[in-house]
Amino acid sequence: MRVIAGTCRSLPLKTLPGKDTRPTTDRIKETLFNILQNDIPGCRFLDLFAGSGAIGIEALSRGAESCCFVDKSRQAIQIIQENLRFTKLTDRARVLQMDALSAIRYLGGRDPFDLVFLDPPYLCDLEKDALMALKNSSCITPETLFVVEASLKNDFSWLDNSGYTCIKWKKYKTNEHLFLRLDQAGE
């Protein structure tokens, strides 16, 4: 796994050993960031369920102002910190070892995020819980863009009455990305 583009282009990143995490492939990561290319420069990025931190590091490499990495695994946090030191991006990063819902509560009242990336373990409904918590949090704004990485087997029928609108849905061979915004009052 490596950084695809930006100031850290081609730098290799460490990943977590074992099969508990599934790093986003370079091809899918490149497609994702091609879609997000106009949203990244200068943004405040939140990487929930960060794993190795590869997505947030890619955002920083491509010009995000800052990134907050959240993962509950001590091993994941150590890998994220090593990757940040190696890429020399620690000055624009914040790393929190806690579960996503605790982090969302903790981050309330601070500067809001422009872009939130969620890549929870597949088929556990953690993305739904996190999105419901985010909807009522002061760590986002009505303009915040949410990207969910999920299994093709995930059921997103709950989105209809969730308070979110899916503005784009990109499917790949093995997984998918949903691009969401909060429903706007009065629409």
Protein backbone atom coordinates (compact mmCIF):
# COMPACT_ATOMS: atom_id res chain seq x y z
CA MET A 1 0.00 0.00 0.00
CA ARG A 2 1.25 3.46 -0.88
CA VAL A 3 0.25 7.11 -1.11
CA ILE A 4 -1.12 7.65 -4.62
CA ALA A 5 -0.61 11.41 -5.18
CA GLY A 6 0.37 14.71 -3.64
CA THR A 7 3.32 15.70 -1.49
CA CYS A 8 3.85 12.12 -0.24
CA ARG A 9 3.32 10.44 -3.59
CA SER A 10 4.62 6.86 -3.87
CA LEU A 11 5.63 6.60 -0.20
CA PRO A 12 4.85 3.13 1.14
CA LEU A 13 2.54 2.80 4.15
CA LYS A 14 2.43 0.09 6.77
CA THR A 15 -0.77 -1.89 7.18
CA LEU A 16 -2.17 -3.92 10.03
CA PRO A 17 -1.26 -7.59 9.92
CA GLY A 18 -3.97 -10.21 9.73
CA LYS A 19 -7.44 -10.15 8.24
CA ASP A 20 -9.18 -7.91 10.77
CA THR A 21 -8.77 -4.91 8.45
CA ARG A 22 -9.03 -4.66 4.68
CA PRO A 23 -7.02 -1.77 3.26
CA THR A 24 -8.66 0.11 0.41
CA THR A 25 -6.88 -0.97 -2.78
CA ASP A 26 -4.80 1.59 -4.68
CA ARG A 27 -7.20 1.47 -7.63
CA ILE A 28 -10.28 2.15 -5.49
CA LYS A 29 -8.42 4.81 -3.49
CA GLU A 30 -7.42 6.55 -6.75
CA THR A 31 -11.03 6.48 -8.00
CA LEU A 32 -12.28 7.82 -4.67
CA PHE A 33 -9.84 10.72 -4.65
CA ASN A 34 -10.54 11.54 -8.30
CA ILE A 35 -14.18 12.01 -7.26
CA LEU A 36 -13.16 14.08 -4.21
CA GLN A 37 -10.38 16.09 -5.88
CA ASN A 38 -12.19 19.44 -5.58
CA ASP A 39 -13.28 18.82 -1.98
CA ILE A 40 -9.87 17.92 -0.51
CA PRO A 41 -7.67 21.06 -0.75
CA GLY A 42 -7.95 23.02 2.50
CA CYS A 43 -10.57 20.73 4.05
CA ARG A 44 -10.79 19.46 7.61
CA PHE A 45 -10.97 15.65 7.21
CA LEU A 46 -12.27 13.08 9.70
CA ASP A 47 -11.17 9.47 9.13
CA LEU A 48 -13.44 7.27 11.29
CA PHE A 49 -12.49 3.59 11.64
CA ALA A 50 -9.11 4.70 10.26
CA GLY A 51 -7.25 1.36 10.26
CA SER A 52 -3.77 2.13 8.90
CA GLY A 53 -4.70 5.77 8.25
CA ALA A 54 -4.13 5.43 4.50
CA ILE A 55 -7.25 7.40 3.48
CA GLY A 56 -6.58 10.31 5.83
CA ILE A 57 -2.90 10.36 4.87
CA GLU A 58 -3.90 10.45 1.20
CA ALA A 59 -6.16 13.43 1.98
CA LEU A 60 -3.31 15.23 3.79
CA SER A 61 -0.90 14.46 0.94
CA ARG A 62 -3.40 15.99 -1.50
CA GLY A 63 -3.78 19.22 0.47
CA ALA A 64 -6.27 18.71 3.28
CA GLU A 65 -5.65 21.27 6.01
CA SER A 66 -5.90 18.68 8.77
CA CYS A 67 -7.08 15.17 9.51
CA CYS A 68 -8.39 13.53 12.65
CA PHE A 69 -7.83 9.77 12.69
CA VAL A 70 -10.09 7.65 14.91
CA ASP A 71 -9.72 3.96 15.63
CA LYS A 72 -10.35 1.93 18.78
CA SER A 73 -7.52 -0.55 18.12
CA ARG A 74 -4.24 0.18 19.88
CA GLN A 75 -2.38 -1.61 17.08
CA ALA A 76 -4.12 0.54 14.43
CA ILE A 77 -3.21 3.72 16.32
CA GLN A 78 0.45 2.66 16.45
CA ILE A 79 0.46 2.01 12.68
CA ILE A 80 -1.23 5.37 11.98
CA GLN A 81 1.36 7.18 14.10
CA GLU A 82 4.23 5.36 12.35
CA ASN A 83 2.76 6.20 8.92
CA LEU A 84 2.32 9.85 9.91
CA ARG A 85 5.92 10.10 11.14
CA PHE A 86 7.22 8.42 7.97
CA THR A 87 5.23 10.78 5.71
CA LYS A 88 6.11 13.79 7.91
CA LEU A 89 2.43 14.72 8.29
CA THR A 90 2.14 14.57 12.10
CA ASP A 91 1.85 18.37 12.40
CA ARG A 92 -1.49 18.34 10.54
CA ALA A 93 -2.90 15.24 12.21
CA ARG A 94 -4.74 14.34 15.38
CA VAL A 95 -4.99 10.67 16.40
CA LEU A 96 -7.67 9.43 18.79
CA GLN A 97 -7.79 5.91 20.19
CA MET A 98 -11.49 5.46 20.91
CA ASP A 99 -14.58 4.01 19.34
CA ALA A 100 -16.34 6.13 16.72
CA LEU A 101 -19.36 7.12 18.85
CA SER A 102 -17.15 8.26 21.74
CA ALA A 103 -14.99 10.22 19.30
CA ILE A 104 -18.02 11.94 17.78
CA ARG A 105 -19.13 13.05 21.26
CA TYR A 106 -15.57 14.12 22.12
CA LEU A 107 -15.18 16.16 18.91
CA GLY A 108 -18.42 18.10 19.40
CA GLY A 109 -17.88 21.80 20.04
CA ARG A 110 -14.58 21.87 18.15
CA ASP A 111 -13.98 23.13 14.63
CA PRO A 112 -16.33 21.20 12.33
CA PHE A 113 -15.19 18.81 9.61
CA ASP A 114 -15.73 19.42 5.90
CA LEU A 115 -15.37 15.78 4.92
CA VAL A 116 -16.03 12.62 6.96
CA PHE A 117 -14.85 9.23 5.72
CA LEU A 118 -16.31 6.12 7.37
CA ASP A 119 -14.89 2.66 6.70
CA PRO A 120 -16.24 0.49 9.52
CA PRO A 121 -16.03 -3.30 9.71
CA TYR A 122 -18.42 -4.65 7.09
CA LEU A 123 -21.96 -5.81 7.85
CA CYS A 124 -22.04 -4.60 11.47
CA ASP A 125 -24.27 -1.50 10.95
CA LEU A 126 -21.59 0.70 12.53
CA GLU A 127 -21.88 3.20 9.67
CA LYS A 128 -25.57 3.71 10.51
CA ASP A 129 -24.82 4.30 14.21
CA ALA A 130 -21.99 6.71 13.39
CA LEU A 131 -24.03 8.65 10.83
CA MET A 132 -26.95 9.01 13.26
CA ALA A 133 -24.56 10.33 15.93
CA LEU A 134 -22.88 12.68 13.45
CA LYS A 135 -26.22 14.09 12.29
CA ASN A 136 -26.76 15.60 15.75
CA SER A 137 -23.15 16.59 16.40
CA SER A 138 -21.62 20.04 16.29
CA CYS A 139 -18.48 18.55 14.70
CA ILE A 140 -20.13 18.82 11.26
CA THR A 141 -21.97 21.50 9.27
CA PRO A 142 -24.86 21.36 6.79
CA GLU A 143 -22.22 21.39 4.03
CA THR A 144 -20.17 18.44 5.35
CA LEU A 145 -19.69 15.64 2.83
CA PHE A 146 -19.83 12.06 4.14
CA VAL A 147 -18.28 9.10 2.34
CA VAL A 148 -19.10 5.57 3.48
CA GLU A 149 -17.08 2.58 2.31
CA ALA A 150 -19.12 -0.59 2.63
CA SER A 151 -19.63 -4.13 1.43
CA LEU A 152 -21.82 -4.68 -1.61
CA LYS A 153 -23.98 -6.79 0.73
CA ASN A 154 -24.82 -3.86 3.02
CA ASP A 155 -28.49 -2.89 3.16
CA PHE A 156 -28.87 0.87 2.96
CA SER A 157 -32.67 0.96 2.79
CA TRP A 158 -32.57 2.82 6.14
CA LEU A 159 -31.11 5.85 4.33
CA ASP A 160 -34.58 6.84 3.03
CA ASN A 161 -35.65 8.30 6.37
CA SER A 162 -32.24 8.93 7.90
CA GLY A 163 -31.84 12.66 7.38
CA TYR A 164 -29.21 12.03 4.71
CA THR A 165 -29.36 12.26 0.93
CA CYS A 166 -27.19 10.00 -1.21
CA ILE A 167 -25.70 12.26 -3.89
CA LYS A 168 -23.53 9.60 -5.53
CA TRP A 169 -23.18 5.84 -5.26
CA LYS A 170 -20.07 4.21 -6.73
CA LYS A 171 -19.92 0.41 -6.89
CA TYR A 172 -16.76 -1.62 -7.45
CA LYS A 173 -16.22 -5.37 -7.79
CA THR A 174 -15.83 -5.93 -4.04
CA ASN A 175 -17.27 -2.89 -2.27
CA GLU A 176 -18.94 0.50 -2.72
CA HIS A 177 -18.73 4.16 -1.76
CA LEU A 178 -21.78 6.19 -0.83
CA PHE A 179 -21.47 9.98 -0.91
CA LEU A 180 -23.95 11.61 1.45
CA ARG A 181 -25.06 15.04 2.58
CA LEU A 182 -27.47 16.03 5.31
CA ASP A 183 -31.02 16.67 4.13
CA GLN A 184 -31.60 20.40 4.02
CA ALA A 185 -34.64 21.72 5.92
CA GLY A 186 -37.32 23.04 3.63
CA GLU A 187 -36.32 20.99 0.60
